[in-house]
Amino acid sequence: MSDIHPAPAEFSTDQIAADGILRYFHYSHLPPVLQAASRPFCDLARHIVESLPRNAERTVALRKLLEAKDAAVRANVN
């Protein structure tokens, strides 16, 4: 992994290999206030991949969730 996207601790290598977008939901590298904003999105991403069948709509759900997570984290950056 690069310095921009350090190795995620929240998902396994196998999970990320199956769904590459999951690498963008990690949060352990963030300062505490940003972790608090990001963690619920990571939890929901996990729920989505564990409970929904893999298909185009699940991919769309994860992509839109990532957009929402990014906005929530940016809202906390001054």
C-alpha atoms as a PDB file:
ATOM      1  CA  MET A   1       0.000   0.000   0.000  1.00  0.00           C
ATOM      2  CA  SER A   2       1.096   3.558  -0.556  1.00  0.00           C
ATOM      3  CA  ASP A   3       1.539   6.274   2.047  1.00  0.00           C
ATOM      4  CA  ILE A   4      -1.679   7.880   0.812  1.00  0.00           C
ATOM      5  CA  HIS A   5      -3.658   4.706   1.425  1.00  0.00           C
ATOM      6  CA  PRO A   6      -1.933   2.735   4.198  1.00  0.00           C
ATOM      7  CA  ALA A   7      -2.738  -0.923   4.686  1.00  0.00           C
ATOM      8  CA  PRO A   8      -6.261  -1.039   6.100  1.00  0.00           C
ATOM      9  CA  ALA A   9      -6.799  -2.769   9.410  1.00  0.00           C
ATOM     10  CA  GLU A  10     -10.591  -2.801   9.203  1.00  0.00           C
ATOM     11  CA  PHE A  11     -10.869  -5.353   6.363  1.00  0.00           C
ATOM     12  CA  SER A  12      -8.835  -8.440   5.549  1.00  0.00           C
ATOM     13  CA  THR A  13      -6.640  -8.773   2.479  1.00  0.00           C
ATOM     14  CA  ASP A  14      -9.145 -11.268   1.055  1.00  0.00           C
ATOM     15  CA  GLN A  15     -12.067  -8.882   1.546  1.00  0.00           C
ATOM     16  CA  ILE A  16     -10.183  -6.087  -0.175  1.00  0.00           C
ATOM     17  CA  ALA A  17      -9.147  -8.410  -3.007  1.00  0.00           C
ATOM     18  CA  ALA A  18     -12.819  -9.274  -3.551  1.00  0.00           C
ATOM     19  CA  ASP A  19     -14.073  -5.671  -3.206  1.00  0.00           C
ATOM     20  CA  GLY A  20     -11.286  -3.183  -3.805  1.00  0.00           C
ATOM     21  CA  ILE A  21     -13.433  -0.216  -2.774  1.00  0.00           C
ATOM     22  CA  LEU A  22     -13.278  -1.420   0.845  1.00  0.00           C
ATOM     23  CA  ARG A  23      -9.708  -0.069   1.121  1.00  0.00           C
ATOM     24  CA  TYR A  24     -11.169   3.438   1.161  1.00  0.00           C
ATOM     25  CA  PHE A  25     -13.339   2.787   4.224  1.00  0.00           C
ATOM     26  CA  HIS A  26     -10.450   2.272   6.654  1.00  0.00           C
ATOM     27  CA  TYR A  27     -10.125   4.834   9.395  1.00  0.00           C
ATOM     28  CA  SER A  28      -7.571   3.683  11.990  1.00  0.00           C
ATOM     29  CA  HIS A  29      -4.929   6.014  10.512  1.00  0.00           C
ATOM     30  CA  LEU A  30      -7.109   9.111  11.051  1.00  0.00           C
ATOM     31  CA  PRO A  31      -7.108  11.463  14.058  1.00  0.00           C
ATOM     32  CA  PRO A  32      -9.813  10.573  16.632  1.00  0.00           C
ATOM     33  CA  VAL A  33     -12.390  13.165  15.507  1.00  0.00           C
ATOM     34  CA  LEU A  34     -12.146  11.940  11.910  1.00  0.00           C
ATOM     35  CA  GLN A  35     -12.245   8.310  13.034  1.00  0.00           C
ATOM     36  CA  ALA A  36     -15.555   9.038  14.750  1.00  0.00           C
ATOM     37  CA  ALA A  37     -16.948  10.480  11.529  1.00  0.00           C
ATOM     38  CA  SER A  38     -15.636   7.631   9.367  1.00  0.00           C
ATOM     39  CA  ARG A  39     -16.265   4.546  11.536  1.00  0.00           C
ATOM     40  CA  PRO A  40     -20.053   4.268  10.975  1.00  0.00           C
ATOM     41  CA  PHE A  41     -19.504   4.218   7.209  1.00  0.00           C
ATOM     42  CA  CYS A  42     -16.959   1.432   7.565  1.00  0.00           C
ATOM     43  CA  ASP A  43     -19.414  -0.526   9.708  1.00  0.00           C
ATOM     44  CA  LEU A  44     -22.156  -0.073   7.113  1.00  0.00           C
ATOM     45  CA  ALA A  45     -19.802  -1.092   4.286  1.00  0.00           C
ATOM     46  CA  ARG A  46     -19.059  -4.285   6.229  1.00  0.00           C
ATOM     47  CA  HIS A  47     -22.776  -4.912   6.685  1.00  0.00           C
ATOM     48  CA  ILE A  48     -23.383  -4.408   2.966  1.00  0.00           C
ATOM     49  CA  VAL A  49     -20.684  -6.852   1.832  1.00  0.00           C
ATOM     50  CA  GLU A  50     -21.692  -9.434   4.427  1.00  0.00           C
ATOM     51  CA  SER A  51     -25.445  -9.298   3.882  1.00  0.00           C
ATOM     52  CA  LEU A  52     -26.101  -8.425   0.236  1.00  0.00           C
ATOM     53  CA  PRO A  53     -25.387 -10.511  -2.844  1.00  0.00           C
ATOM     54  CA  ARG A  54     -22.514  -9.341  -4.979  1.00  0.00           C
ATOM     55  CA  ASN A  55     -23.984  -7.544  -7.975  1.00  0.00           C
ATOM     56  CA  ALA A  56     -23.979  -4.185  -9.728  1.00  0.00           C
ATOM     57  CA  GLU A  57     -26.394  -2.606  -7.244  1.00  0.00           C
ATOM     58  CA  ARG A  58     -24.243  -3.581  -4.281  1.00  0.00           C
ATOM     59  CA  THR A  59     -21.295  -1.929  -6.017  1.00  0.00           C
ATOM     60  CA  VAL A  60     -23.355   1.232  -6.530  1.00  0.00           C
ATOM     61  CA  ALA A  61     -24.366   1.176  -2.855  1.00  0.00           C
ATOM     62  CA  LEU A  62     -20.719   0.961  -1.769  1.00  0.00           C
ATOM     63  CA  ARG A  63     -19.655   3.715  -4.159  1.00  0.00           C
ATOM     64  CA  LYS A  64     -22.369   6.087  -2.936  1.00  0.00           C
ATOM     65  CA  LEU A  65     -21.584   5.196   0.681  1.00  0.00           C
ATOM     66  CA  LEU A  66     -17.949   6.107   0.005  1.00  0.00           C
ATOM     67  CA  GLU A  67     -19.038   9.477  -1.386  1.00  0.00           C
ATOM     68  CA  ALA A  68     -21.072  10.120   1.772  1.00  0.00           C
ATOM     69  CA  LYS A  69     -18.177   9.041   4.006  1.00  0.00           C
ATOM     70  CA  ASP A  70     -15.783  11.373   2.224  1.00  0.00           C
ATOM     71  CA  ALA A  71     -18.183  14.288   2.656  1.00  0.00           C
ATOM     72  CA  ALA A  72     -18.697  13.529   6.361  1.00  0.00           C
ATOM     73  CA  VAL A  73     -14.958  13.379   6.986  1.00  0.00           C
ATOM     74  CA  ARG A  74     -14.354  16.599   5.037  1.00  0.00           C
ATOM     75  CA  ALA A  75     -17.062  18.300   7.093  1.00  0.00           C
ATOM     76  CA  ASN A  76     -14.821  17.768  10.133  1.00  0.00           C
ATOM     77  CA  VAL A  77     -11.647  19.133   8.531  1.00  0.00           C
ATOM     78  CA  ASN A  78     -10.988  22.767   9.311  1.00  0.00           C
END
